[in-house]
C-alpha atoms as a PDB file:
ATOM      1  CA  MET A   1      60.523  42.138   8.374  1.00  0.00           C
ATOM      2  CA  LYS A   2      58.378  43.468   5.562  1.00  0.00           C
ATOM      3  CA  LEU A   3      59.799  43.826   1.790  1.00  0.00           C
ATOM      4  CA  HIS A   4      59.717  47.394   0.633  1.00  0.00           C
ATOM      5  CA  VAL A   5      58.512  48.449  -2.742  1.00  0.00           C
ATOM      6  CA  ARG A   6      57.081  51.254  -5.075  1.00  0.00           C
ATOM      7  CA  THR A   7      54.314  48.985  -6.609  1.00  0.00           C
ATOM      8  CA  VAL A   8      52.763  45.269  -5.656  1.00  0.00           C
ATOM      9  CA  ILE A   9      50.279  44.189  -9.083  1.00  0.00           C
ATOM     10  CA  ILE A  10      48.583  40.643  -8.482  1.00  0.00           C
ATOM     11  CA  SER A  11      45.800  39.179 -10.143  1.00  0.00           C
ATOM     12  CA  ASP A  12      43.424  35.981 -10.124  1.00  0.00           C
ATOM     13  CA  VAL A  13      43.118  35.458  -6.827  1.00  0.00           C
ATOM     14  CA  HIS A  14      39.853  34.421  -7.696  1.00  0.00           C
ATOM     15  CA  LEU A  15      38.040  35.024  -4.183  1.00  0.00           C
ATOM     16  CA  GLY A  16      35.103  32.901  -3.371  1.00  0.00           C
ATOM     17  CA  THR A  17      36.143  29.302  -4.981  1.00  0.00           C
ATOM     18  CA  SER A  18      37.719  27.001  -2.890  1.00  0.00           C
ATOM     19  CA  GLU A  19      41.118  26.543  -4.544  1.00  0.00           C
ATOM     20  CA  SER A  20      41.839  30.179  -3.745  1.00  0.00           C
ATOM     21  CA  LYS A  21      45.507  30.085  -2.175  1.00  0.00           C
ATOM     22  CA  VAL A  22      44.365  33.222  -0.232  1.00  0.00           C
ATOM     23  CA  ASN A  23      46.093  32.411   2.655  1.00  0.00           C
ATOM     24  CA  GLU A  24      49.232  32.811   0.271  1.00  0.00           C
ATOM     25  CA  VAL A  25      48.910  35.877  -1.209  1.00  0.00           C
ATOM     26  CA  ASN A  26      47.210  37.293   2.585  1.00  0.00           C
ATOM     27  CA  HIS A  27      50.577  36.501   4.052  1.00  0.00           C
ATOM     28  CA  PHE A  28      52.629  38.320   0.631  1.00  0.00           C
ATOM     29  CA  LEU A  29      50.039  41.445   1.065  1.00  0.00           C
ATOM     30  CA  ARG A  30      51.060  41.439   4.981  1.00  0.00           C
ATOM     31  CA  SER A  31      54.310  41.480   4.005  1.00  0.00           C
ATOM     32  CA  VAL A  32      54.850  44.002   1.714  1.00  0.00           C
ATOM     33  CA  ARG A  33      54.696  48.193   1.644  1.00  0.00           C
ATOM     34  CA  CYS A  34      53.680  49.970  -1.641  1.00  0.00           C
ATOM     35  CA  GLU A  35      52.884  53.888  -2.556  1.00  0.00           C
ATOM     36  CA  LYS A  36      50.053  51.413  -4.936  1.00  0.00           C
ATOM     37  CA  LEU A  37      48.906  48.325  -5.018  1.00  0.00           C
ATOM     38  CA  ILE A  38      47.294  46.576  -8.500  1.00  0.00           C
ATOM     39  CA  LEU A  39      44.398  44.559  -8.233  1.00  0.00           C
ATOM     40  CA  ASN A  40      44.743  43.023 -12.496  1.00  0.00           C
ATOM     41  CA  GLY A  41      40.994  41.438 -12.571  1.00  0.00           C
ATOM     42  CA  ASP A  42      39.717  38.392 -11.421  1.00  0.00           C
ATOM     43  CA  ILE A  43      40.150  39.135  -7.783  1.00  0.00           C
ATOM     44  CA  ILE A  44      36.449  38.540  -6.891  1.00  0.00           C
ATOM     45  CA  ASP A  45      35.580  35.069  -9.326  1.00  0.00           C
ATOM     46  CA  GLY A  46      31.679  36.646  -8.881  1.00  0.00           C
ATOM     47  CA  TRP A  47      31.045  33.435 -11.746  1.00  0.00           C
ATOM     48  CA  GLN A  48      31.366  30.956  -9.007  1.00  0.00           C
ATOM     49  CA  LEU A  49      29.585  33.341  -6.404  1.00  0.00           C
ATOM     50  CA  ARG A  50      26.674  32.877  -8.337  1.00  0.00           C
ATOM     51  CA  ARG A  51      26.702  28.754  -7.936  1.00  0.00           C
ATOM     52  CA  GLY A  52      27.293  29.017  -4.726  1.00  0.00           C
ATOM     53  CA  GLY A  53      30.936  29.559  -3.730  1.00  0.00           C
ATOM     54  CA  GLN A  54      32.909  29.660  -1.135  1.00  0.00           C
ATOM     55  CA  TRP A  55      33.645  32.203   1.420  1.00  0.00           C
ATOM     56  CA  THR A  56      35.671  32.035   4.065  1.00  0.00           C
ATOM     57  CA  LYS A  57      36.975  34.831   6.877  1.00  0.00           C
ATOM     58  CA  ALA A  58      39.972  34.187   4.739  1.00  0.00           C
ATOM     59  CA  HIS A  59      38.538  36.147   1.749  1.00  0.00           C
ATOM     60  CA  THR A  60      37.318  38.806   4.157  1.00  0.00           C
ATOM     61  CA  ARG A  61      40.555  39.095   5.334  1.00  0.00           C
ATOM     62  CA  PHE A  62      42.466  39.680   2.216  1.00  0.00           C
ATOM     63  CA  VAL A  63      39.538  42.899   0.739  1.00  0.00           C
ATOM     64  CA  ARG A  64      40.437  44.247   5.271  1.00  0.00           C
ATOM     65  CA  ILE A  65      44.230  43.451   4.444  1.00  0.00           C
ATOM     66  CA  VAL A  66      44.001  45.848   1.123  1.00  0.00           C
ATOM     67  CA  LEU A  67      41.359  47.933   3.399  1.00  0.00           C
ATOM     68  CA  LYS A  68      44.167  48.703   5.681  1.00  0.00           C
ATOM     69  CA  LYS A  69      46.422  49.481   3.359  1.00  0.00           C
ATOM     70  CA  LEU A  70      43.825  51.967   1.720  1.00  0.00           C
ATOM     71  CA  GLU A  71      43.580  54.149   5.796  1.00  0.00           C
ATOM     72  CA  LYS A  72      46.633  53.340   7.395  1.00  0.00           C
ATOM     73  CA  ARG A  73      49.215  52.761   5.257  1.00  0.00           C
ATOM     74  CA  ASP A  74      48.420  55.563   2.115  1.00  0.00           C
ATOM     75  CA  THR A  75      48.447  52.596  -0.232  1.00  0.00           C
ATOM     76  CA  GLN A  76      47.024  54.235  -3.769  1.00  0.00           C
ATOM     77  CA  VAL A  77      44.790  50.851  -4.573  1.00  0.00           C
ATOM     78  CA  ILE A  78      44.254  50.392  -8.474  1.00  0.00           C
ATOM     79  CA  TYR A  79      41.242  47.269  -9.528  1.00  0.00           C
ATOM     80  CA  LEU A  80      40.238  46.125 -12.795  1.00  0.00           C
ATOM     81  CA  ARG A  81      38.027  44.500 -13.823  1.00  0.00           C
ATOM     82  CA  GLY A  82      38.947  40.960 -14.530  1.00  0.00           C
ATOM     83  CA  ASN A  83      36.390  38.377 -16.452  1.00  0.00           C
ATOM     84  CA  HIS A  84      35.107  36.742 -13.463  1.00  0.00           C
ATOM     85  CA  ASP A  85      34.020  39.667 -11.998  1.00  0.00           C
ATOM     86  CA  ASP A  86      32.843  41.474 -15.167  1.00  0.00           C
ATOM     87  CA  ILE A  87      30.246  42.755 -12.701  1.00  0.00           C
ATOM     88  CA  LEU A  88      31.727  45.543 -12.375  1.00  0.00           C
ATOM     89  CA  ALA A  89      31.581  46.513 -15.956  1.00  0.00           C
ATOM     90  CA  THR A  90      28.126  48.022 -15.296  1.00  0.00           C
ATOM     91  CA  PHE A  91      29.744  50.903 -12.955  1.00  0.00           C
ATOM     92  CA  LEU A  92      32.973  51.687 -14.060  1.00  0.00           C
ATOM     93  CA  PRO A  93      34.963  54.245 -13.688  1.00  0.00           C
ATOM     94  CA  LEU A  94      35.040  54.999  -9.925  1.00  0.00           C
ATOM     95  CA  ASP A  95      37.412  56.448  -7.706  1.00  0.00           C
ATOM     96  CA  PHE A  96      37.092  56.676  -3.684  1.00  0.00           C
ATOM     97  CA  GLU A  97      39.533  58.682  -2.974  1.00  0.00           C
ATOM     98  CA  ASN A  98      42.728  56.011  -3.008  1.00  0.00           C
ATOM     99  CA  LEU A  99      40.723  53.825  -5.031  1.00  0.00           C
ATOM    100  CA  SER A 100      40.167  53.335  -8.785  1.00  0.00           C
ATOM    101  CA  VAL A 101      38.135  50.816 -10.484  1.00  0.00           C
ATOM    102  CA  VAL A 102      38.528  51.226 -13.937  1.00  0.00           C
ATOM    103  CA  GLU A 103      38.929  48.466 -17.277  1.00  0.00           C
ATOM    104  CA  ASP A 104      42.662  49.611 -17.867  1.00  0.00           C
ATOM    105  CA  HIS A 105      44.984  51.394 -16.787  1.00  0.00           C
ATOM    106  CA  VAL A 106      48.015  53.411 -17.589  1.00  0.00           C
ATOM    107  CA  HIS A 107      50.824  53.389 -14.914  1.00  0.00           C
ATOM    108  CA  GLU A 108      53.876  55.804 -14.599  1.00  0.00           C
ATOM    109  CA  GLY A 109      57.156  54.080 -13.515  1.00  0.00           C
ATOM    110  CA  PRO A 110      60.864  55.762 -13.552  1.00  0.00           C
ATOM    111  CA  ARG A 111      61.618  53.237 -16.085  1.00  0.00           C
ATOM    112  CA  GLY A 112      58.450  54.799 -18.946  1.00  0.00           C
ATOM    113  CA  ARG A 113      55.167  54.335 -19.242  1.00  0.00           C
ATOM    114  CA  TYR A 114      53.617  50.485 -18.922  1.00  0.00           C
ATOM    115  CA  LEU A 115      49.838  49.358 -19.947  1.00  0.00           C
ATOM    116  CA  VAL A 116      47.856  47.472 -16.901  1.00  0.00           C
ATOM    117  CA  LEU A 117      44.452  45.118 -17.945  1.00  0.00           C
ATOM    118  CA  HIS A 118      43.130  42.383 -17.410  1.00  0.00           C
ATOM    119  CA  GLY A 119      43.372  40.875 -20.557  1.00  0.00           C
ATOM    120  CA  ASP A 120      40.578  39.301 -20.466  1.00  0.00           C
ATOM    121  CA  ILE A 121      39.702  41.364 -24.200  1.00  0.00           C
ATOM    122  CA  PHE A 122      41.921  39.351 -26.679  1.00  0.00           C
ATOM    123  CA  ASP A 123      40.430  36.059 -25.383  1.00  0.00           C
ATOM    124  CA  SER A 124      38.216  35.569 -28.555  1.00  0.00           C
ATOM    125  CA  VAL A 125      35.745  32.736 -26.343  1.00  0.00           C
ATOM    126  CA  THR A 126      35.602  34.662 -22.811  1.00  0.00           C
ATOM    127  CA  LYS A 127      34.769  37.809 -25.356  1.00  0.00           C
ATOM    128  CA  ASN A 128      32.334  36.594 -27.410  1.00  0.00           C
ATOM    129  CA  PHE A 129      31.048  32.925 -26.399  1.00  0.00           C
ATOM    130  CA  VAL A 130      30.378  33.648 -22.810  1.00  0.00           C
ATOM    131  CA  PHE A 131      28.787  29.942 -22.625  1.00  0.00           C
ATOM    132  CA  LEU A 132      31.738  28.477 -23.172  1.00  0.00           C
ATOM    133  CA  ALA A 133      33.659  29.981 -21.308  1.00  0.00           C
ATOM    134  CA  HIS A 134      31.458  28.963 -18.317  1.00  0.00           C
ATOM    135  CA  LEU A 135      31.770  25.551 -19.704  1.00  0.00           C
ATOM    136  CA  GLY A 136      35.576  26.401 -19.593  1.00  0.00           C
ATOM    137  CA  ASP A 137      35.680  27.511 -16.808  1.00  0.00           C
ATOM    138  CA  TRP A 138      33.059  24.634 -15.053  1.00  0.00           C
ATOM    139  CA  GLY A 139      36.315  22.070 -16.616  1.00  0.00           C
ATOM    140  CA  TYR A 140      39.181  23.743 -15.410  1.00  0.00           C
ATOM    141  CA  ARG A 141      37.887  23.432 -11.852  1.00  0.00           C
ATOM    142  CA  ALA A 142      37.162  19.731 -12.421  1.00  0.00           C
ATOM    143  CA  LEU A 143      41.052  19.758 -13.535  1.00  0.00           C
ATOM    144  CA  LEU A 144      41.745  21.512 -10.653  1.00  0.00           C
ATOM    145  CA  GLN A 145      40.102  19.529  -7.917  1.00  0.00           C
ATOM    146  CA  LEU A 146      41.785  15.997 -10.331  1.00  0.00           C
ATOM    147  CA  ASN A 147      44.806  17.631  -9.358  1.00  0.00           C
ATOM    148  CA  ARG A 148      44.614  17.949  -5.580  1.00  0.00           C
ATOM    149  CA  ALA A 149      42.849  14.507  -5.540  1.00  0.00           C
ATOM    150  CA  TYR A 150      46.537  13.131  -7.314  1.00  0.00           C
ATOM    151  CA  ASN A 151      48.519  15.400  -4.657  1.00  0.00           C
ATOM    152  CA  VAL A 152      46.921  13.809  -1.605  1.00  0.00           C
ATOM    153  CA  TRP A 153      48.492  10.896  -3.507  1.00  0.00           C
ATOM    154  CA  ARG A 154      52.256  12.150  -3.904  1.00  0.00           C
ATOM    155  CA  THR A 155      52.411  12.989  -0.872  1.00  0.00           C
ATOM    156  CA  TRP A 156      51.907  10.027   0.618  1.00  0.00           C
ATOM    157  CA  ARG A 157      54.657   8.596  -1.236  1.00  0.00           C
ATOM    158  CA  GLY A 158      56.778  11.711  -0.233  1.00  0.00           C
ATOM    159  CA  LYS A 159      57.315  13.773  -3.753  1.00  0.00           C
ATOM    160  CA  GLU A 160      56.725  17.153  -4.032  1.00  0.00           C
ATOM    161  CA  TYR A 161      53.822  19.382  -5.298  1.00  0.00           C
ATOM    162  CA  TRP A 162      53.209  18.789  -9.258  1.00  0.00           C
ATOM    163  CA  SER A 163      50.571  20.231 -11.408  1.00  0.00           C
ATOM    164  CA  LEU A 164      48.422  19.725 -14.085  1.00  0.00           C
ATOM    165  CA  SER A 165      47.146  22.080 -15.499  1.00  0.00           C
ATOM    166  CA  LYS A 166      49.964  23.295 -16.231  1.00  0.00           C
ATOM    167  CA  ALA A 167      51.694  20.524 -17.205  1.00  0.00           C
ATOM    168  CA  ILE A 168      48.598  21.012 -19.939  1.00  0.00           C
ATOM    169  CA  LYS A 169      49.339  24.070 -20.805  1.00  0.00           C
ATOM    170  CA  ALA A 170      53.151  23.798 -21.385  1.00  0.00           C
ATOM    171  CA  ARG A 171      52.678  20.309 -24.095  1.00  0.00           C
ATOM    172  CA  VAL A 172      49.225  20.945 -25.394  1.00  0.00           C
ATOM    173  CA  LYS A 173      50.235  22.310 -29.119  1.00  0.00           C
ATOM    174  CA  GLU A 174      46.878  24.957 -28.901  1.00  0.00           C
ATOM    175  CA  ALA A 175      47.521  26.083 -25.574  1.00  0.00           C
ATOM    176  CA  VAL A 176      51.005  26.787 -26.277  1.00  0.00           C
ATOM    177  CA  SER A 177      49.496  29.204 -29.273  1.00  0.00           C
ATOM    178  CA  HIS A 178      47.480  30.521 -27.899  1.00  0.00           C
ATOM    179  CA  ILE A 179      49.303  31.757 -25.058  1.00  0.00           C
ATOM    180  CA  SER A 180      52.085  32.906 -27.497  1.00  0.00           C
ATOM    181  CA  ASN A 181      49.014  34.471 -29.730  1.00  0.00           C
ATOM    182  CA  PHE A 182      47.883  36.255 -26.201  1.00  0.00           C
ATOM    183  CA  GLU A 183      51.182  37.835 -25.282  1.00  0.00           C
ATOM    184  CA  GLU A 184      51.801  39.307 -28.707  1.00  0.00           C
ATOM    185  CA  HIS A 185      48.277  40.711 -28.881  1.00  0.00           C
ATOM    186  CA  ILE A 186      49.342  42.306 -25.789  1.00  0.00           C
ATOM    187  CA  ALA A 187      51.932  43.449 -27.041  1.00  0.00           C
ATOM    188  CA  VAL A 188      50.914  45.967 -30.085  1.00  0.00           C
ATOM    189  CA  LEU A 189      48.107  47.736 -28.071  1.00  0.00           C
ATOM    190  CA  ALA A 190      51.131  48.428 -25.451  1.00  0.00           C
ATOM    191  CA  ARG A 191      52.738  49.952 -28.322  1.00  0.00           C
ATOM    192  CA  LYS A 192      49.474  51.832 -29.896  1.00  0.00           C
ATOM    193  CA  ARG A 193      48.842  52.842 -26.329  1.00  0.00           C
ATOM    194  CA  ASN A 194      52.819  54.642 -26.500  1.00  0.00           C
ATOM    195  CA  CYS A 195      54.090  52.499 -24.070  1.00  0.00           C
ATOM    196  CA  VAL A 196      57.221  50.855 -23.099  1.00  0.00           C
ATOM    197  CA  GLY A 197      55.583  47.759 -21.883  1.00  0.00           C
ATOM    198  CA  VAL A 198      52.778  46.232 -20.381  1.00  0.00           C
ATOM    199  CA  MET A 199      50.693  44.070 -17.352  1.00  0.00           C
ATOM    200  CA  CYS A 200      48.362  42.128 -17.323  1.00  0.00           C
ATOM    201  CA  GLY A 201      47.245  38.712 -15.532  1.00  0.00           C
ATOM    202  CA  HIS A 202      44.066  36.569 -17.393  1.00  0.00           C
ATOM    203  CA  ILE A 203      45.736  33.100 -18.662  1.00  0.00           C
ATOM    204  CA  HIS A 204      47.117  32.222 -15.685  1.00  0.00           C
ATOM    205  CA  THR A 205      51.059  31.888 -16.911  1.00  0.00           C
ATOM    206  CA  ALA A 206      53.320  33.999 -15.165  1.00  0.00           C
ATOM    207  CA  ALA A 207      56.054  36.062 -16.970  1.00  0.00           C
ATOM    208  CA  ASP A 208      59.030  38.556 -17.482  1.00  0.00           C
ATOM    209  CA  LYS A 209      61.055  39.059 -21.023  1.00  0.00           C
ATOM    210  CA  MET A 210      60.658  40.915 -24.052  1.00  0.00           C
ATOM    211  CA  ILE A 211      58.846  40.925 -26.653  1.00  0.00           C
ATOM    212  CA  GLY A 212      60.489  42.822 -29.703  1.00  0.00           C
ATOM    213  CA  ASP A 213      60.513  46.075 -27.588  1.00  0.00           C
ATOM    214  CA  VAL A 214      57.721  45.502 -25.606  1.00  0.00           C
ATOM    215  CA  HIS A 215      58.051  44.556 -21.853  1.00  0.00           C
ATOM    216  CA  TYR A 216      55.539  41.559 -21.490  1.00  0.00           C
ATOM    217  CA  LEU A 217      55.080  41.483 -17.600  1.00  0.00           C
ATOM    218  CA  ASN A 218      52.205  38.709 -16.704  1.00  0.00           C
ATOM    219  CA  SER A 219      51.462  38.196 -12.786  1.00  0.00           C
ATOM    220  CA  GLY A 220      50.231  35.059 -12.943  1.00  0.00           C
ATOM    221  CA  ASP A 221      47.642  33.867 -10.020  1.00  0.00           C
ATOM    222  CA  TRP A 222      47.398  32.723  -6.694  1.00  0.00           C
ATOM    223  CA  VAL A 223      45.436  29.526  -7.561  1.00  0.00           C
ATOM    224  CA  GLU A 224      48.264  27.265  -9.205  1.00  0.00           C
ATOM    225  CA  SER A 225      51.450  29.210 -10.068  1.00  0.00           C
ATOM    226  CA  LEU A 226      51.423  31.656  -6.645  1.00  0.00           C
ATOM    227  CA  THR A 227      53.099  34.744  -8.130  1.00  0.00           C
ATOM    228  CA  ALA A 228      53.217  39.009  -8.443  1.00  0.00           C
ATOM    229  CA  VAL A 229      55.288  41.427 -10.046  1.00  0.00           C
ATOM    230  CA  VAL A 230      56.676  44.521  -7.775  1.00  0.00           C
ATOM    231  CA  GLU A 231      57.908  47.112  -8.676  1.00  0.00           C
ATOM    232  CA  HIS A 232      61.405  48.848  -5.983  1.00  0.00           C
ATOM    233  CA  HIS A 233      61.793  52.015  -6.097  1.00  0.00           C
ATOM    234  CA  ASP A 234      64.866  52.614  -9.109  1.00  0.00           C
ATOM    235  CA  GLY A 235      61.896  51.182 -11.261  1.00  0.00           C
ATOM    236  CA  ARG A 236      63.221  47.667 -11.613  1.00  0.00           C
ATOM    237  CA  PHE A 237      60.645  44.789 -12.376  1.00  0.00           C
ATOM    238  CA  GLU A 238      60.328  41.830 -10.133  1.00  0.00           C
ATOM    239  CA  LEU A 239      58.725  38.860 -10.397  1.00  0.00           C
ATOM    240  CA  ILE A 240      58.320  36.734  -7.633  1.00  0.00           C
ATOM    241  CA  GLY A 241      57.148  33.654  -6.840  1.00  0.00           C
ATOM    242  CA  PHE A 242      56.335  32.900  -2.967  1.00  0.00           C
ATOM    243  CA  ASN A 243      57.587  29.929  -2.742  1.00  0.00           C
ATOM    244  CA  ASP A 244      61.292  31.667  -2.842  1.00  0.00           C
ATOM    245  CA  PHE A 245      59.523  34.640  -0.915  1.00  0.00           C
ATOM    246  CA  LEU A 246      58.538  32.297   1.917  1.00  0.00           C
ATOM    247  CA  ARG A 247      62.317  31.846   2.687  1.00  0.00           C
ATOM    248  CA  GLN A 248      63.105  35.379   2.953  1.00  0.00           C
ATOM    249  CA  TYR A 249      60.032  36.293   4.991  1.00  0.00           C
ATOM    250  CA  PRO A 250      58.633  32.985   6.954  1.00  0.00           C
ATOM    251  CA  MET A 251      54.821  33.636   8.061  1.00  0.00           C
ATOM    252  CA  VAL A 252      55.207  33.877  11.690  1.00  0.00           C
ATOM    253  CA  ASP A 253      51.375  34.247  12.639  1.00  0.00           C
ATOM    254  CA  ASP A 254      50.628  31.174  14.276  1.00  0.00           C
ATOM    255  CA  VAL A 255      47.003  31.372  13.024  1.00  0.00           C
ATOM    256  CA  ALA A 256      48.263  32.332   9.838  1.00  0.00           C
ATOM    257  CA  VAL A 257      50.753  29.191  10.318  1.00  0.00           C
ATOM    258  CA  ALA A 258      48.008  26.698  11.146  1.00  0.00           C
ATOM    259  CA  GLU A 259      45.746  28.181   7.916  1.00  0.00           C
ATOM    260  CA  PHE A 260      49.193  27.306   5.603  1.00  0.00           C
ATOM    261  CA  ALA A 261      49.786  23.880   6.904  1.00  0.00           C
ATOM    262  CA  GLY A 262      49.127  21.015   4.213  1.00  0.00           C
ATOM    263  CA  GLU A 263      48.300  23.636   1.324  1.00  0.00           C
ATOM    264  CA  PRO A 264      51.011  23.158  -1.455  1.00  0.00           C
ATOM    265  CA  VAL A 265      52.824  25.716  -3.029  1.00  0.00           C
ATOM    266  CA  GLY A 266      54.421  26.529  -6.280  1.00  0.00           C
ATOM    267  CA  VAL A 267      55.945  28.555  -8.842  1.00  0.00           C
END
């Protein structure tokens, strides 16, 4: 079984890190047929790879899946620079037949123009204080490791997966305010570019909502939320969580099942 859609948008896979849920995203991409695939930044985590990182066969498999879509499925692939793969900024824009590597992109859909960008340009810390951004990234990785240990204990107690970082973002006033300001700035830019909507990533908080007259979509991440945005052939957008997707398109490959076993998932 395959899901057939017009466009798929994913972001923040963070290949090269141990926290990347690469087996899940690989299964998702294998199970989807699309005319356009938008990789909206932080697909490869250059920051972590410069520190040593962790690149596995599953990470290489992700690249092969994308290349197969380019070669055999005639899929148009748009790769947008993120802050963790900012090394690409030196070479932009790049075009190789059906593959484009760009800073931002305007998606022309049945329901109008959508501005696509990673979103880090509206993060003042990422943009102006690179050292603090790297320090914050280190803190986030430490939080994920603590979260992993805590969820081992929860599994032993028969409890479901719980995200510590999500809880902090939802409850800490400064984090809630940061997300709100980020969304408002993105919506303003979309209006200035004469777009009816905007697609972004960066803040690892999936969303599908209206901000005034602008349709705001955030594809989330493949570290914790495990979400993607798809555009159906009638122009309708849908935010898909991996747990729901897995119920309809289960893993049937023995290798994929073995890789997936024991990994917590959640939306």
